Structure formats: structure tokens, C-alpha cells
Amino acid sequence: NAFFDGKPIFALILGGSFMILAGISVLFVR
């Protein structure tokens, strides 16, 4: 509501970005 005019499609874009961050963070796991 604050940044994307309530459009639910942007929730999927946010989700995709977080999934890529998860991939990068796994490199730091022992």
C-alpha cells in the first residue's frame, strides 16, 4: 500500500529478490 499502490504482483517481485538474497547468504554457511 505504501510503495506499490496496493498491487499484489509486486509482492512476487519482493519475494523473488529475497530468494536471491537467500542464495547469496548460503555461501557464508560452514
PDB file of all heavy atoms in Angstrom:
ATOM      1  N   ASN A   1       0.817  -1.218   0.000  1.00  0.00           N
ATOM      2  CA  ASN A   1       0.000   0.000   0.000  1.00  0.00           C
ATOM      3  C   ASN A   1       0.848   1.265   0.000  1.00  0.00           C
ATOM      4  O   ASN A   1       0.490   2.272  -0.615  1.00  0.00           O
ATOM      5  CB  ASN A   1      -0.933  -0.004   1.218  1.00  0.00           C
ATOM      6  CG  ASN A   1      -2.069  -0.992   1.068  1.00  0.00           C
ATOM      7  OD1 ASN A   1      -2.582  -1.213  -0.026  1.00  0.00           O
ATOM      8  ND2 ASN A   1      -2.462  -1.623   2.162  1.00  0.00           N
ATOM      9  N   ALA A   2       2.000   1.214   0.665  1.00  0.00           N
ATOM     10  CA  ALA A   2       2.835   2.409   0.794  1.00  0.00           C
ATOM     11  C   ALA A   2       3.642   2.707  -0.460  1.00  0.00           C
ATOM     12  O   ALA A   2       3.824   3.877  -0.825  1.00  0.00           O
ATOM     13  CB  ALA A   2       3.769   2.259   1.993  1.00  0.00           C
ATOM     14  N   PHE A   3       4.095   1.660  -1.147  1.00  0.00           N
ATOM     15  CA  PHE A   3       5.041   1.869  -2.247  1.00  0.00           C
ATOM     16  C   PHE A   3       4.567   1.373  -3.609  1.00  0.00           C
ATOM     17  O   PHE A   3       5.120   1.771  -4.635  1.00  0.00           O
ATOM     18  CB  PHE A   3       6.386   1.194  -1.922  1.00  0.00           C
ATOM     19  CG  PHE A   3       7.040   1.706  -0.673  1.00  0.00           C
ATOM     20  CD1 PHE A   3       7.034   0.943   0.488  1.00  0.00           C
ATOM     21  CD2 PHE A   3       7.634   2.957  -0.633  1.00  0.00           C
ATOM     22  CE1 PHE A   3       7.633   1.406   1.640  1.00  0.00           C
ATOM     23  CE2 PHE A   3       8.234   3.434   0.509  1.00  0.00           C
ATOM     24  CZ  PHE A   3       8.231   2.662   1.663  1.00  0.00           C
ATOM     25  N   PHE A   4       3.564   0.511  -3.638  1.00  0.00           N
ATOM     26  CA  PHE A   4       3.191  -0.125  -4.905  1.00  0.00           C
ATOM     27  C   PHE A   4       1.700  -0.021  -5.214  1.00  0.00           C
ATOM     28  O   PHE A   4       1.148  -0.852  -5.949  1.00  0.00           O
ATOM     29  CB  PHE A   4       3.626  -1.591  -4.899  1.00  0.00           C
ATOM     30  CG  PHE A   4       5.095  -1.790  -4.644  1.00  0.00           C
ATOM     31  CD1 PHE A   4       5.534  -2.310  -3.435  1.00  0.00           C
ATOM     32  CD2 PHE A   4       6.042  -1.429  -5.599  1.00  0.00           C
ATOM     33  CE1 PHE A   4       6.886  -2.486  -3.182  1.00  0.00           C
ATOM     34  CE2 PHE A   4       7.398  -1.602  -5.354  1.00  0.00           C
ATOM     35  CZ  PHE A   4       7.822  -2.135  -4.141  1.00  0.00           C
ATOM     36  N   ASP A   5       1.043   0.976  -4.628  1.00  0.00           N
ATOM     37  CA  ASP A   5      -0.368   1.247  -4.927  1.00  0.00           C
ATOM     38  C   ASP A   5      -1.251   0.018  -4.689  1.00  0.00           C
ATOM     39  O   ASP A   5      -2.258  -0.169  -5.358  1.00  0.00           O
ATOM     40  CB  ASP A   5      -0.509   1.725  -6.381  1.00  0.00           C
ATOM     41  CG  ASP A   5      -1.852   2.412  -6.631  1.00  0.00           C
ATOM     42  OD1 ASP A   5      -2.414   2.991  -5.680  1.00  0.00           O
ATOM     43  OD2 ASP A   5      -2.337   2.360  -7.777  1.00  0.00           O
ATOM     44  N   GLY A   6      -0.851  -0.827  -3.748  1.00  0.00           N
ATOM     45  CA  GLY A   6      -1.664  -1.986  -3.383  1.00  0.00           C
ATOM     46  C   GLY A   6      -1.672  -3.103  -4.409  1.00  0.00           C
ATOM     47  O   GLY A   6      -2.472  -4.033  -4.292  1.00  0.00           O
ATOM     48  N   LYS A   7      -0.798  -3.059  -5.416  1.00  0.00           N
ATOM     49  CA  LYS A   7      -0.790  -4.067  -6.479  1.00  0.00           C
ATOM     50  C   LYS A   7      -0.092  -5.348  -5.998  1.00  0.00           C
ATOM     51  O   LYS A   7       1.106  -5.345  -5.700  1.00  0.00           O
ATOM     52  CB  LYS A   7      -0.067  -3.530  -7.713  1.00  0.00           C
ATOM     53  CG  LYS A   7      -0.817  -2.418  -8.430  1.00  0.00           C
ATOM     54  CD  LYS A   7      -2.102  -2.960  -9.060  1.00  0.00           C
ATOM     55  CE  LYS A   7      -2.812  -1.902  -9.884  1.00  0.00           C
ATOM     56  NZ  LYS A   7      -4.048  -2.457 -10.493  1.00  0.00           N
ATOM     57  N   PRO A   8      -0.820  -6.467  -5.940  1.00  0.00           N
ATOM     58  CA  PRO A   8      -0.233  -7.691  -5.379  1.00  0.00           C
ATOM     59  C   PRO A   8       0.894  -8.286  -6.203  1.00  0.00           C
ATOM     60  O   PRO A   8       1.700  -9.060  -5.677  1.00  0.00           O
ATOM     61  CB  PRO A   8      -1.427  -8.649  -5.297  1.00  0.00           C
ATOM     62  CG  PRO A   8      -2.438  -8.111  -6.267  1.00  0.00           C
ATOM     63  CD  PRO A   8      -2.245  -6.633  -6.275  1.00  0.00           C
ATOM     64  N   ILE A   9       1.008  -7.944  -7.484  1.00  0.00           N
ATOM     65  CA  ILE A   9       2.072  -8.500  -8.316  1.00  0.00           C
ATOM     66  C   ILE A   9       3.454  -8.138  -7.766  1.00  0.00           C
ATOM     67  O   ILE A   9       4.423  -8.891  -7.915  1.00  0.00           O
ATOM     68  CB  ILE A   9       1.928  -8.020  -9.782  1.00  0.00           C
ATOM     69  CG1 ILE A   9       2.885  -8.781 -10.707  1.00  0.00           C
ATOM     70  CG2 ILE A   9       2.158  -6.520  -9.883  1.00  0.00           C
ATOM     71  CD1 ILE A   9       2.598 -10.232 -10.849  1.00  0.00           C
ATOM     72  N   PHE A  10       3.541  -6.982  -7.080  1.00  0.00           N
ATOM     73  CA  PHE A  10       4.840  -6.550  -6.553  1.00  0.00           C
ATOM     74  C   PHE A  10       5.269  -7.381  -5.347  1.00  0.00           C
ATOM     75  O   PHE A  10       6.458  -7.399  -4.999  1.00  0.00           O
ATOM     76  CB  PHE A  10       4.806  -5.064  -6.219  1.00  0.00           C
ATOM     77  CG  PHE A  10       4.775  -4.187  -7.446  1.00  0.00           C
ATOM     78  CD1 PHE A  10       3.581  -3.670  -7.911  1.00  0.00           C
ATOM     79  CD2 PHE A  10       5.931  -3.926  -8.151  1.00  0.00           C
ATOM     80  CE1 PHE A  10       3.530  -2.891  -9.056  1.00  0.00           C
ATOM     81  CE2 PHE A  10       5.903  -3.134  -9.296  1.00  0.00           C
ATOM     82  CZ  PHE A  10       4.696  -2.621  -9.757  1.00  0.00           C
ATOM     83  N   ALA A  11       4.336  -8.081  -4.708  1.00  0.00           N
ATOM     84  CA  ALA A  11       4.717  -9.000  -3.642  1.00  0.00           C
ATOM     85  C   ALA A  11       5.565 -10.138  -4.197  1.00  0.00           C
ATOM     86  O   ALA A  11       6.488 -10.629  -3.527  1.00  0.00           O
ATOM     87  CB  ALA A  11       3.469  -9.552  -2.948  1.00  0.00           C
ATOM     88  N   LEU A  12       5.275 -10.552  -5.425  1.00  0.00           N
ATOM     89  CA  LEU A  12       6.067 -11.612  -6.044  1.00  0.00           C
ATOM     90  C   LEU A  12       7.463 -11.113  -6.406  1.00  0.00           C
ATOM     91  O   LEU A  12       8.438 -11.865  -6.311  1.00  0.00           O
ATOM     92  CB  LEU A  12       5.355 -12.143  -7.286  1.00  0.00           C
ATOM     93  CG  LEU A  12       3.937 -12.704  -7.069  1.00  0.00           C
ATOM     94  CD1 LEU A  12       3.421 -13.344  -8.352  1.00  0.00           C
ATOM     95  CD2 LEU A  12       3.919 -13.705  -5.928  1.00  0.00           C
ATOM     96  N   ILE A  13       7.564  -9.854  -6.824  1.00  0.00           N
ATOM     97  CA  ILE A  13       8.889  -9.286  -7.120  1.00  0.00           C
ATOM     98  C   ILE A  13       9.728  -9.203  -5.846  1.00  0.00           C
ATOM     99  O   ILE A  13      10.915  -9.545  -5.834  1.00  0.00           O
ATOM    100  CB  ILE A  13       8.741  -7.908  -7.778  1.00  0.00           C
ATOM    101  CG1 ILE A  13       8.056  -8.050  -9.142  1.00  0.00           C
ATOM    102  CG2 ILE A  13      10.103  -7.233  -7.919  1.00  0.00           C
ATOM    103  CD1 ILE A  13       7.810  -6.734  -9.843  1.00  0.00           C
ATOM    104  N   LEU A  14       9.100  -8.748  -4.750  1.00  0.00           N
ATOM    105  CA  LEU A  14       9.816  -8.707  -3.475  1.00  0.00           C
ATOM    106  C   LEU A  14      10.260 -10.115  -3.061  1.00  0.00           C
ATOM    107  O   LEU A  14      11.392 -10.318  -2.609  1.00  0.00           O
ATOM    108  CB  LEU A  14       8.917  -8.101  -2.387  1.00  0.00           C
ATOM    109  CG  LEU A  14       8.676  -6.592  -2.455  1.00  0.00           C
ATOM    110  CD1 LEU A  14       7.634  -6.194  -1.417  1.00  0.00           C
ATOM    111  CD2 LEU A  14       9.970  -5.820  -2.217  1.00  0.00           C
ATOM    112  N   GLY A  15       9.365 -11.076  -3.232  1.00  0.00           N
ATOM    113  CA  GLY A  15       9.698 -12.442  -2.878  1.00  0.00           C
ATOM    114  C   GLY A  15      10.867 -12.979  -3.686  1.00  0.00           C
ATOM    115  O   GLY A  15      11.772 -13.633  -3.145  1.00  0.00           O
ATOM    116  N   GLY A  16      10.870 -12.706  -4.977  1.00  0.00           N
ATOM    117  CA  GLY A  16      11.973 -13.156  -5.813  1.00  0.00           C
ATOM    118  C   GLY A  16      13.303 -12.545  -5.395  1.00  0.00           C
ATOM    119  O   GLY A  16      14.340 -13.225  -5.393  1.00  0.00           O
ATOM    120  N   SER A  17      13.281 -11.281  -5.028  1.00  0.00           N
ATOM    121  CA  SER A  17      14.512 -10.616  -4.583  1.00  0.00           C
ATOM    122  C   SER A  17      15.047 -11.244  -3.298  1.00  0.00           C
ATOM    123  O   SER A  17      16.259 -11.449  -3.139  1.00  0.00           O
ATOM    124  CB  SER A  17      14.236  -9.126  -4.358  1.00  0.00           C
ATOM    125  OG  SER A  17      13.748  -8.519  -5.552  1.00  0.00           O
ATOM    126  N   PHE A  18      14.134 -11.569  -2.379  1.00  0.00           N
ATOM    127  CA  PHE A  18      14.556 -12.192  -1.126  1.00  0.00           C
ATOM    128  C   PHE A  18      15.113 -13.589  -1.367  1.00  0.00           C
ATOM    129  O   PHE A  18      16.037 -14.031  -0.677  1.00  0.00           O
ATOM    130  CB  PHE A  18      13.383 -12.243  -0.141  1.00  0.00           C
ATOM    131  CG  PHE A  18      13.283 -11.030   0.730  1.00  0.00           C
ATOM    132  CD1 PHE A  18      12.922  -9.807   0.193  1.00  0.00           C
ATOM    133  CD2 PHE A  18      13.556 -11.095   2.075  1.00  0.00           C
ATOM    134  CE1 PHE A  18      12.835  -8.677   0.985  1.00  0.00           C
ATOM    135  CE2 PHE A  18      13.479  -9.973   2.889  1.00  0.00           C
ATOM    136  CZ  PHE A  18      13.117  -8.760   2.342  1.00  0.00           C
ATOM    137  N   MET A  19      14.574 -14.302  -2.360  1.00  0.00           N
ATOM    138  CA  MET A  19      15.072 -15.647  -2.628  1.00  0.00           C
ATOM    139  C   MET A  19      16.504 -15.600  -3.165  1.00  0.00           C
ATOM    140  O   MET A  19      17.340 -16.444  -2.832  1.00  0.00           O
ATOM    141  CB  MET A  19      14.145 -16.376  -3.604  1.00  0.00           C
ATOM    142  CG  MET A  19      14.386 -17.869  -3.651  1.00  0.00           C
ATOM    143  SD  MET A  19      13.065 -18.793  -4.486  1.00  0.00           S
ATOM    144  CE  MET A  19      11.797 -18.812  -3.229  1.00  0.00           C
ATOM    145  N   ILE A  20      16.806 -14.609  -3.981  1.00  0.00           N
ATOM    146  CA  ILE A  20      18.177 -14.452  -4.470  1.00  0.00           C
ATOM    147  C   ILE A  20      19.116 -14.107  -3.309  1.00  0.00           C
ATOM    148  O   ILE A  20      20.247 -14.609  -3.235  1.00  0.00           O
ATOM    149  CB  ILE A  20      18.223 -13.377  -5.569  1.00  0.00           C
ATOM    150  CG1 ILE A  20      17.469 -13.882  -6.817  1.00  0.00           C
ATOM    151  CG2 ILE A  20      19.669 -13.026  -5.917  1.00  0.00           C
ATOM    152  CD1 ILE A  20      17.274 -12.836  -7.889  1.00  0.00           C
ATOM    153  N   LEU A  21      18.661 -13.267  -2.377  1.00  0.00           N
ATOM    154  CA  LEU A  21      19.465 -12.966  -1.193  1.00  0.00           C
ATOM    155  C   LEU A  21      19.746 -14.228  -0.374  1.00  0.00           C
ATOM    156  O   LEU A  21      20.835 -14.397   0.181  1.00  0.00           O
ATOM    157  CB  LEU A  21      18.754 -11.927  -0.319  1.00  0.00           C
ATOM    158  CG  LEU A  21      18.787 -10.484  -0.804  1.00  0.00           C
ATOM    159  CD1 LEU A  21      17.921  -9.606   0.098  1.00  0.00           C
ATOM    160  CD2 LEU A  21      20.223  -9.951  -0.828  1.00  0.00           C
ATOM    161  N   ALA A  22      18.752 -15.109  -0.300  1.00  0.00           N
ATOM    162  CA  ALA A  22      18.948 -16.372   0.415  1.00  0.00           C
ATOM    163  C   ALA A  22      20.056 -17.186  -0.234  1.00  0.00           C
ATOM    164  O   ALA A  22      20.891 -17.794   0.452  1.00  0.00           O
ATOM    165  CB  ALA A  22      17.642 -17.167   0.439  1.00  0.00           C
ATOM    166  N   GLY A  23      20.072 -17.213  -1.568  1.00  0.00           N
ATOM    167  CA  GLY A  23      21.112 -17.948  -2.276  1.00  0.00           C
ATOM    168  C   GLY A  23      22.500 -17.408  -1.989  1.00  0.00           C
ATOM    169  O   GLY A  23      23.456 -18.171  -1.785  1.00  0.00           O
ATOM    170  N   ILE A  24      22.619 -16.094  -1.958  1.00  0.00           N
ATOM    171  CA  ILE A  24      23.922 -15.492  -1.668  1.00  0.00           C
ATOM    172  C   ILE A  24      24.358 -15.804  -0.238  1.00  0.00           C
ATOM    173  O   ILE A  24      25.523 -16.127   0.028  1.00  0.00           O
ATOM    174  CB  ILE A  24      23.861 -13.969  -1.903  1.00  0.00           C
ATOM    175  CG1 ILE A  24      23.601 -13.676  -3.395  1.00  0.00           C
ATOM    176  CG2 ILE A  24      25.142 -13.288  -1.427  1.00  0.00           C
ATOM    177  CD1 ILE A  24      23.291 -12.220  -3.689  1.00  0.00           C
ATOM    178  N   SER A  25      23.407 -15.763   0.704  1.00  0.00           N
ATOM    179  CA  SER A  25      23.763 -15.947   2.115  1.00  0.00           C
ATOM    180  C   SER A  25      24.204 -17.373   2.424  1.00  0.00           C
ATOM    181  O   SER A  25      24.928 -17.599   3.409  1.00  0.00           O
ATOM    182  CB  SER A  25      22.580 -15.553   3.018  1.00  0.00           C
ATOM    183  OG  SER A  25      21.449 -16.371   2.776  1.00  0.00           O
ATOM    184  N   VAL A  26      23.797 -18.356   1.607  1.00  0.00           N
ATOM    185  CA  VAL A  26      24.198 -19.740   1.891  1.00  0.00           C
ATOM    186  C   VAL A  26      25.708 -19.926   1.724  1.00  0.00           C
ATOM    187  O   VAL A  26      26.303 -20.838   2.313  1.00  0.00           O
ATOM    188  CB  VAL A  26      23.421 -20.731   0.990  1.00  0.00           C
ATOM    189  CG1 VAL A  26      23.989 -20.785  -0.419  1.00  0.00           C
ATOM    190  CG2 VAL A  26      23.420 -22.136   1.593  1.00  0.00           C
ATOM    191  N   LEU A  27      26.341 -19.060   0.963  1.00  0.00           N
ATOM    192  CA  LEU A  27      27.795 -19.167   0.776  1.00  0.00           C
ATOM    193  C   LEU A  27      28.565 -18.915   2.073  1.00  0.00           C
ATOM    194  O   LEU A  27      29.734 -19.290   2.190  1.00  0.00           O
ATOM    195  CB  LEU A  27      28.262 -18.189  -0.304  1.00  0.00           C
ATOM    196  CG  LEU A  27      27.703 -18.428  -1.717  1.00  0.00           C
ATOM    197  CD1 LEU A  27      28.185 -17.334  -2.658  1.00  0.00           C
ATOM    198  CD2 LEU A  27      28.107 -19.801  -2.233  1.00  0.00           C
ATOM    199  N   PHE A  28      27.918 -18.296   3.045  1.00  0.00           N
ATOM    200  CA  PHE A  28      28.581 -17.971   4.310  1.00  0.00           C
ATOM    201  C   PHE A  28      28.351 -19.031   5.381  1.00  0.00           C
ATOM    202  O   PHE A  28      28.803 -18.878   6.518  1.00  0.00           O
ATOM    203  CB  PHE A  28      28.100 -16.612   4.815  1.00  0.00           C
ATOM    204  CG  PHE A  28      28.422 -15.476   3.883  1.00  0.00           C
ATOM    205  CD1 PHE A  28      27.495 -15.044   2.940  1.00  0.00           C
ATOM    206  CD2 PHE A  28      29.663 -14.859   3.924  1.00  0.00           C
ATOM    207  CE1 PHE A  28      27.792 -14.012   2.059  1.00  0.00           C
ATOM    208  CE2 PHE A  28      29.977 -13.828   3.050  1.00  0.00           C
ATOM    209  CZ  PHE A  28      29.040 -13.405   2.113  1.00  0.00           C
ATOM    210  N   VAL A  29      27.638 -20.113   5.016  1.00  0.00           N
ATOM    211  CA  VAL A  29      27.363 -21.181   5.963  1.00  0.00           C
ATOM    212  C   VAL A  29      28.524 -22.164   5.979  1.00  0.00           C
ATOM    213  O   VAL A  29      28.990 -22.592   4.924  1.00  0.00           O
ATOM    214  CB  VAL A  29      26.060 -21.934   5.601  1.00  0.00           C
ATOM    215  CG1 VAL A  29      25.845 -23.130   6.526  1.00  0.00           C
ATOM    216  CG2 VAL A  29      24.864 -20.994   5.657  1.00  0.00           C
ATOM    217  N   ARG A  30      28.981 -22.528   7.159  1.00  0.00           N
ATOM    218  CA  ARG A  30      30.002 -23.557   7.287  1.00  0.00           C
ATOM    219  C   ARG A  30      29.332 -24.909   7.115  1.00  0.00           C
ATOM    220  O   ARG A  30      28.391 -25.248   7.826  1.00  0.00           O
ATOM    221  CB  ARG A  30      30.690 -23.479   8.644  1.00  0.00           C
ATOM    222  CG  ARG A  30      31.514 -22.221   8.826  1.00  0.00           C
ATOM    223  CD  ARG A  30      32.346 -22.290  10.084  1.00  0.00           C
ATOM    224  NE  ARG A  30      33.278 -23.427  10.049  1.00  0.00           N
ATOM    225  CZ  ARG A  30      34.136 -23.696  11.037  1.00  0.00           C
ATOM    226  NH1 ARG A  30      34.174 -22.922  12.107  1.00  0.00           N
ATOM    227  NH2 ARG A  30      34.940 -24.732  10.952  1.00  0.00           N
TER     228      ARG A  30
END
